[in-house]
PDB file of N, CA and C in Angstrom:
ATOM      1  N   UNK A   1     -25.010 -35.067  40.729  1.00  0.00           N
ATOM      2  CA  UNK A   1     -24.708 -35.519  39.392  1.00  0.00           C
ATOM      3  C   UNK A   1     -25.978 -36.099  38.772  1.00  0.00           C
ATOM      4  N   UNK A   2     -26.325 -35.639  37.616  1.00  0.00           N
ATOM      5  CA  UNK A   2     -27.517 -36.125  36.922  1.00  0.00           C
ATOM      6  C   UNK A   2     -27.133 -37.243  35.968  1.00  0.00           C
ATOM      7  N   UNK A   3     -27.900 -38.326  36.028  1.00  0.00           N
ATOM      8  CA  UNK A   3     -27.658 -39.468  35.148  1.00  0.00           C
ATOM      9  C   UNK A   3     -28.979 -39.881  34.529  1.00  0.00           C
ATOM     10  N   UNK A   4     -28.958 -40.084  33.229  1.00  0.00           N
ATOM     11  CA  UNK A   4     -30.124 -40.612  32.528  1.00  0.00           C
ATOM     12  C   UNK A   4     -29.663 -41.872  31.816  1.00  0.00           C
ATOM     13  N   UNK A   5     -30.263 -43.000  32.157  1.00  0.00           N
ATOM     14  CA  UNK A   5     -29.932 -44.260  31.505  1.00  0.00           C
ATOM     15  C   UNK A   5     -30.917 -44.509  30.376  1.00  0.00           C
ATOM     16  N   UNK A   6     -30.399 -44.934  29.238  1.00  0.00           N
ATOM     17  CA  UNK A   6     -31.243 -45.256  28.096  1.00  0.00           C
ATOM     18  C   UNK A   6     -30.945 -46.683  27.659  1.00  0.00           C
ATOM     19  N   UNK A   7     -31.982 -47.502  27.611  1.00  0.00           N
ATOM     20  CA  UNK A   7     -31.860 -48.893  27.188  1.00  0.00           C
ATOM     21  C   UNK A   7     -32.607 -49.063  25.874  1.00  0.00           C
ATOM     22  N   UNK A   8     -32.075 -49.897  24.987  1.00  0.00           N
ATOM     23  CA  UNK A   8     -32.743 -50.204  23.737  1.00  0.00           C
ATOM     24  C   UNK A   8     -33.254 -51.636  23.791  1.00  0.00           C
ATOM     25  N   UNK A   9     -34.280 -51.918  22.993  1.00  0.00           N
ATOM     26  CA  UNK A   9     -34.815 -53.278  22.912  1.00  0.00           C
ATOM     27  C   UNK A   9     -33.707 -54.252  22.542  1.00  0.00           C
ATOM     28  N   UNK A  10     -33.855 -55.482  22.999  1.00  0.00           N
ATOM     29  CA  UNK A  10     -32.874 -56.500  22.654  1.00  0.00           C
ATOM     30  C   UNK A  10     -32.882 -56.762  21.159  1.00  0.00           C
ATOM     31  N   UNK A  11     -31.793 -57.275  20.668  1.00  0.00           N
ATOM     32  CA  UNK A  11     -31.689 -57.572  19.238  1.00  0.00           C
ATOM     33  C   UNK A  11     -32.677 -58.661  18.827  1.00  0.00           C
ATOM     34  N   UNK A  12     -33.090 -59.505  19.780  1.00  0.00           N
ATOM     35  CA  UNK A  12     -34.041 -60.577  19.494  1.00  0.00           C
ATOM     36  C   UNK A  12     -35.470 -60.060  19.366  1.00  0.00           C
ATOM     37  N   UNK A  13     -35.696 -58.869  19.848  1.00  0.00           N
ATOM     38  CA  UNK A  13     -37.047 -58.297  19.844  1.00  0.00           C
ATOM     39  C   UNK A  13     -37.422 -57.802  18.456  1.00  0.00           C
ATOM     40  N   UNK A  14     -38.700 -57.872  18.149  1.00  0.00           N
ATOM     41  CA  UNK A  14     -39.210 -57.320  16.898  1.00  0.00           C
ATOM     42  C   UNK A  14     -39.555 -55.844  17.036  1.00  0.00           C
ATOM     43  N   UNK A  15     -39.348 -55.284  18.224  1.00  0.00           N
ATOM     44  CA  UNK A  15     -39.704 -53.900  18.499  1.00  0.00           C
ATOM     45  C   UNK A  15     -38.462 -53.030  18.499  1.00  0.00           C
ATOM     46  N   UNK A  16     -38.599 -51.831  18.006  1.00  0.00           N
ATOM     47  CA  UNK A  16     -37.547 -50.835  18.104  1.00  0.00           C
ATOM     48  C   UNK A  16     -38.010 -49.812  19.124  1.00  0.00           C
ATOM     49  N   UNK A  17     -37.590 -49.991  20.354  1.00  0.00           N
ATOM     50  CA  UNK A  17     -38.055 -49.114  21.417  1.00  0.00           C
ATOM     51  C   UNK A  17     -36.912 -48.805  22.381  1.00  0.00           C
ATOM     52  N   UNK A  18     -37.091 -47.735  23.153  1.00  0.00           N
ATOM     53  CA  UNK A  18     -36.099 -47.349  24.145  1.00  0.00           C
ATOM     54  C   UNK A  18     -36.788 -47.107  25.481  1.00  0.00           C
ATOM     55  N   UNK A  19     -36.039 -47.335  26.540  1.00  0.00           N
ATOM     56  CA  UNK A  19     -36.493 -47.067  27.895  1.00  0.00           C
ATOM     57  C   UNK A  19     -35.529 -46.062  28.498  1.00  0.00           C
ATOM     58  N   UNK A  20     -36.058 -44.989  29.057  1.00  0.00           N
ATOM     59  CA  UNK A  20     -35.240 -43.987  29.730  1.00  0.00           C
ATOM     60  C   UNK A  20     -35.574 -44.019  31.216  1.00  0.00           C
ATOM     61  N   UNK A  21     -34.556 -43.839  32.016  1.00  0.00           N
ATOM     62  CA  UNK A  21     -34.747 -43.897  33.462  1.00  0.00           C
ATOM     63  C   UNK A  21     -33.856 -42.862  34.135  1.00  0.00           C
ATOM     64  N   UNK A  22     -34.461 -42.038  34.991  1.00  0.00           N
ATOM     65  CA  UNK A  22     -33.656 -41.060  35.729  1.00  0.00           C
ATOM     66  C   UNK A  22     -34.415 -40.553  36.948  1.00  0.00           C
ATOM     67  N   UNK A  23     -33.681 -39.898  37.817  1.00  0.00           N
ATOM     68  CA  UNK A  23     -34.240 -39.282  39.014  1.00  0.00           C
ATOM     69  C   UNK A  23     -34.738 -37.892  38.633  1.00  0.00           C
ATOM     70  N   UNK A  24     -36.009 -37.604  38.865  1.00  0.00           N
ATOM     71  CA  UNK A  24     -36.537 -36.299  38.485  1.00  0.00           C
ATOM     72  C   UNK A  24     -36.340 -35.277  39.606  1.00  0.00           C
ATOM     73  N   UNK A  25     -36.809 -34.065  39.366  1.00  0.00           N
ATOM     74  CA  UNK A  25     -36.601 -32.976  40.324  1.00  0.00           C
ATOM     75  C   UNK A  25     -37.405 -33.158  41.620  1.00  0.00           C
ATOM     76  N   UNK A  26     -38.361 -34.080  41.616  1.00  0.00           N
ATOM     77  CA  UNK A  26     -39.146 -34.362  42.825  1.00  0.00           C
ATOM     78  C   UNK A  26     -38.593 -35.539  43.610  1.00  0.00           C
ATOM     79  N   UNK A  27     -37.363 -35.958  43.264  1.00  0.00           N
ATOM     80  CA  UNK A  27     -36.704 -37.080  43.927  1.00  0.00           C
ATOM     81  C   UNK A  27     -37.476 -38.389  43.733  1.00  0.00           C
ATOM     82  N   UNK A  28     -38.019 -38.568  42.523  1.00  0.00           N
ATOM     83  CA  UNK A  28     -38.737 -39.776  42.145  1.00  0.00           C
ATOM     84  C   UNK A  28     -38.069 -40.359  40.898  1.00  0.00           C
ATOM     85  N   UNK A  29     -38.269 -41.648  40.704  1.00  0.00           N
ATOM     86  CA  UNK A  29     -37.722 -42.304  39.524  1.00  0.00           C
ATOM     87  C   UNK A  29     -38.720 -42.143  38.377  1.00  0.00           C
ATOM     88  N   UNK A  30     -38.241 -41.582  37.288  1.00  0.00           N
ATOM     89  CA  UNK A  30     -39.047 -41.379  36.089  1.00  0.00           C
ATOM     90  C   UNK A  30     -38.612 -42.416  35.064  1.00  0.00           C
ATOM     91  N   UNK A  31     -39.563 -43.190  34.546  1.00  0.00           N
ATOM     92  CA  UNK A  31     -39.278 -44.218  33.544  1.00  0.00           C
ATOM     93  C   UNK A  31     -40.209 -43.980  32.365  1.00  0.00           C
ATOM     94  N   UNK A  32     -39.611 -43.874  31.181  1.00  0.00           N
ATOM     95  CA  UNK A  32     -40.436 -43.721  29.984  1.00  0.00           C
ATOM     96  C   UNK A  32     -40.026 -44.759  28.956  1.00  0.00           C
ATOM     97  N   UNK A  33     -40.996 -45.166  28.150  1.00  0.00           N
ATOM     98  CA  UNK A  33     -40.756 -46.100  27.049  1.00  0.00           C
ATOM     99  C   UNK A  33     -41.301 -45.454  25.788  1.00  0.00           C
ATOM    100  N   UNK A  34     -40.441 -45.400  24.782  1.00  0.00           N
ATOM    101  CA  UNK A  34     -40.826 -44.830  23.495  1.00  0.00           C
ATOM    102  C   UNK A  34     -40.655 -45.906  22.435  1.00  0.00           C
ATOM    103  N   UNK A  35     -41.690 -46.099  21.607  1.00  0.00           N
ATOM    104  CA  UNK A  35     -41.616 -47.141  20.588  1.00  0.00           C
ATOM    105  C   UNK A  35     -41.184 -46.558  19.242  1.00  0.00           C
ATOM    106  N   UNK A  36     -41.130 -47.428  18.252  1.00  0.00           N
ATOM    107  CA  UNK A  36     -40.637 -47.033  16.933  1.00  0.00           C
ATOM    108  C   UNK A  36     -41.499 -45.973  16.262  1.00  0.00           C
ATOM    109  N   UNK A  37     -42.744 -45.850  16.678  1.00  0.00           N
ATOM    110  CA  UNK A  37     -43.629 -44.817  16.142  1.00  0.00           C
ATOM    111  C   UNK A  37     -43.543 -43.528  16.965  1.00  0.00           C
ATOM    112  N   UNK A  38     -42.616 -43.491  17.897  1.00  0.00           N
ATOM    113  CA  UNK A  38     -42.373 -42.336  18.773  1.00  0.00           C
ATOM    114  C   UNK A  38     -43.534 -42.057  19.718  1.00  0.00           C
ATOM    115  N   UNK A  39     -44.286 -43.106  20.013  1.00  0.00           N
ATOM    116  CA  UNK A  39     -45.325 -42.974  21.035  1.00  0.00           C
ATOM    117  C   UNK A  39     -44.667 -43.250  22.382  1.00  0.00           C
ATOM    118  N   UNK A  40     -44.971 -42.425  23.368  1.00  0.00           N
ATOM    119  CA  UNK A  40     -44.291 -42.514  24.643  1.00  0.00           C
ATOM    120  C   UNK A  40     -45.272 -42.782  25.778  1.00  0.00           C
ATOM    121  N   UNK A  41     -44.860 -43.660  26.672  1.00  0.00           N
ATOM    122  CA  UNK A  41     -45.578 -43.919  27.917  1.00  0.00           C
ATOM    123  C   UNK A  41     -44.583 -43.705  29.050  1.00  0.00           C
ATOM    124  N   UNK A  42     -45.088 -43.331  30.192  1.00  0.00           N
ATOM    125  CA  UNK A  42     -44.173 -43.129  31.310  1.00  0.00           C
ATOM    126  C   UNK A  42     -44.855 -43.455  32.633  1.00  0.00           C
ATOM    127  N   UNK A  43     -44.001 -43.635  33.631  1.00  0.00           N
ATOM    128  CA  UNK A  43     -44.465 -43.841  34.998  1.00  0.00           C
ATOM    129  C   UNK A  43     -43.461 -43.159  35.921  1.00  0.00           C
ATOM    130  N   UNK A  44     -43.947 -42.647  37.028  1.00  0.00           N
ATOM    131  CA  UNK A  44     -43.103 -42.004  38.024  1.00  0.00           C
ATOM    132  C   UNK A  44     -43.290 -42.775  39.326  1.00  0.00           C
ATOM    133  N   UNK A  45     -42.173 -43.240  39.890  1.00  0.00           N
ATOM    134  CA  UNK A  45     -42.233 -44.082  41.089  1.00  0.00           C
ATOM    135  C   UNK A  45     -41.526 -43.415  42.260  1.00  0.00           C
ATOM    136  N   UNK A  46     -42.129 -43.532  43.435  1.00  0.00           N
ATOM    137  CA  UNK A  46     -41.438 -43.064  44.630  1.00  0.00           C
ATOM    138  C   UNK A  46     -40.415 -44.118  45.057  1.00  0.00           C
ATOM    139  N   UNK A  47     -39.701 -43.846  46.112  1.00  0.00           N
ATOM    140  CA  UNK A  47     -38.622 -44.739  46.546  1.00  0.00           C
ATOM    141  C   UNK A  47     -39.136 -46.145  46.857  1.00  0.00           C
ATOM    142  N   UNK A  48     -40.219 -46.229  47.600  1.00  0.00           N
ATOM    143  CA  UNK A  48     -40.761 -47.532  48.003  1.00  0.00           C
ATOM    144  C   UNK A  48     -41.170 -48.365  46.795  1.00  0.00           C
ATOM    145  N   UNK A  49     -41.864 -47.764  45.846  1.00  0.00           N
ATOM    146  CA  UNK A  49     -42.289 -48.505  44.661  1.00  0.00           C
ATOM    147  C   UNK A  49     -41.116 -48.840  43.748  1.00  0.00           C
ATOM    148  N   UNK A  50     -40.108 -47.981  43.723  1.00  0.00           N
ATOM    149  CA  UNK A  50     -38.900 -48.275  42.946  1.00  0.00           C
ATOM    150  C   UNK A  50     -38.198 -49.513  43.490  1.00  0.00           C
ATOM    151  N   UNK A  51     -38.145 -49.627  44.802  1.00  0.00           N
ATOM    152  CA  UNK A  51     -37.535 -50.798  45.434  1.00  0.00           C
ATOM    153  C   UNK A  51     -38.330 -52.055  45.106  1.00  0.00           C
ATOM    154  N   UNK A  52     -39.659 -51.958  45.122  1.00  0.00           N
ATOM    155  CA  UNK A  52     -40.502 -53.103  44.754  1.00  0.00           C
ATOM    156  C   UNK A  52     -40.234 -53.533  43.315  1.00  0.00           C
ATOM    157  N   UNK A  53     -40.103 -52.564  42.431  1.00  0.00           N
ATOM    158  CA  UNK A  53     -39.833 -52.867  41.021  1.00  0.00           C
ATOM    159  C   UNK A  53     -38.506 -53.601  40.882  1.00  0.00           C
ATOM    160  N   UNK A  54     -37.492 -53.145  41.588  1.00  0.00           N
ATOM    161  CA  UNK A  54     -36.181 -53.808  41.534  1.00  0.00           C
ATOM    162  C   UNK A  54     -36.292 -55.248  42.018  1.00  0.00           C
ATOM    163  N   UNK A  55     -37.027 -55.486  43.071  1.00  0.00           N
ATOM    164  CA  UNK A  55     -37.201 -56.848  43.590  1.00  0.00           C
ATOM    165  C   UNK A  55     -37.887 -57.747  42.570  1.00  0.00           C
ATOM    166  N   UNK A  56     -38.917 -57.218  41.914  1.00  0.00           N
ATOM    167  CA  UNK A  56     -39.622 -58.003  40.901  1.00  0.00           C
ATOM    168  C   UNK A  56     -38.685 -58.297  39.729  1.00  0.00           C
ATOM    169  N   UNK A  57     -37.929 -57.307  39.287  1.00  0.00           N
ATOM    170  CA  UNK A  57     -36.982 -57.524  38.192  1.00  0.00           C
ATOM    171  C   UNK A  57     -35.937 -58.573  38.557  1.00  0.00           C
ATOM    172  N   UNK A  58     -35.415 -58.519  39.780  1.00  0.00           N
ATOM    173  CA  UNK A  58     -34.434 -59.527  40.215  1.00  0.00           C
ATOM    174  C   UNK A  58     -35.041 -60.924  40.207  1.00  0.00           C
ATOM    175  N   UNK A  59     -36.279 -61.040  40.668  1.00  0.00           N
ATOM    176  CA  UNK A  59     -36.960 -62.336  40.670  1.00  0.00           C
ATOM    177  C   UNK A  59     -37.099 -62.863  39.253  1.00  0.00           C
ATOM    178  N   UNK A  60     -37.523 -62.014  38.327  1.00  0.00           N
ATOM    179  CA  UNK A  60     -37.701 -62.443  36.939  1.00  0.00           C
ATOM    180  C   UNK A  60     -36.361 -62.788  36.276  1.00  0.00           C
ATOM    181  N   UNK A  61     -35.310 -62.046  36.598  1.00  0.00           N
ATOM    182  CA  UNK A  61     -33.974 -62.356  36.073  1.00  0.00           C
ATOM    183  C   UNK A  61     -33.516 -63.709  36.591  1.00  0.00           C
ATOM    184  N   UNK A  62     -33.765 -63.996  37.856  1.00  0.00           N
ATOM    185  CA  UNK A  62     -33.403 -65.297  38.414  1.00  0.00           C
ATOM    186  C   UNK A  62     -34.163 -66.425  37.712  1.00  0.00           C
ATOM    187  N   UNK A  63     -35.426 -66.185  37.373  1.00  0.00           N
ATOM    188  CA  UNK A  63     -36.193 -67.187  36.628  1.00  0.00           C
ATOM    189  C   UNK A  63     -35.566 -67.429  35.262  1.00  0.00           C
ATOM    190  N   UNK A  64     -35.096 -66.373  34.611  1.00  0.00           N
ATOM    191  CA  UNK A  64     -34.418 -66.511  33.314  1.00  0.00           C
ATOM    192  C   UNK A  64     -33.187 -67.400  33.452  1.00  0.00           C
ATOM    193  N   UNK A  65     -32.439 -67.172  34.518  1.00  0.00           N
ATOM    194  CA  UNK A  65     -31.219 -67.948  34.741  1.00  0.00           C
ATOM    195  C   UNK A  65     -31.543 -69.413  34.976  1.00  0.00           C
ATOM    196  N   UNK A  66     -32.639 -69.679  35.721  1.00  0.00           N
ATOM    197  CA  UNK A  66     -33.049 -71.064  35.987  1.00  0.00           C
ATOM    198  C   UNK A  66     -33.438 -71.777  34.694  1.00  0.00           C
ATOM    199  N   UNK A  67     -34.154 -71.086  33.830  1.00  0.00           N
ATOM    200  CA  UNK A  67     -34.574 -71.666  32.548  1.00  0.00           C
ATOM    201  C   UNK A  67     -33.350 -71.956  31.679  1.00  0.00           C
ATOM    202  N   UNK A  68     -32.401 -71.031  31.655  1.00  0.00           N
ATOM    203  CA  UNK A  68     -31.205 -71.209  30.832  1.00  0.00           C
ATOM    204  C   UNK A  68     -30.263 -72.275  31.378  1.00  0.00           C
ATOM    205  N   UNK A  69     -30.286 -72.505  32.687  1.00  0.00           N
ATOM    206  CA  UNK A  69     -29.402 -73.503  33.295  1.00  0.00           C
ATOM    207  C   UNK A  69     -30.070 -74.863  33.441  1.00  0.00           C
ATOM    208  N   UNK A  70     -31.385 -74.901  33.270  1.00  0.00           N
ATOM    209  CA  UNK A  70     -32.122 -76.133  33.545  1.00  0.00           C
ATOM    210  C   UNK A  70     -32.484 -76.912  32.372  1.00  0.00           C
TER     211      UNK A  70
END
């Protein structure tokens, strides 16, 4: 089953941008960011680096929660 996730900038952001994320045909995670001018950047991550990215995101989310609760 193919899944492509698309995220939009938060409403608080001054940017109109989207992030796309999916598993490519090489079994790697493909992530692209397109801004309001339709300029696109991307990165392709293998499994190990994808796991590292998730860990960093979880750490940063936990920091957000600490700031909001503290």
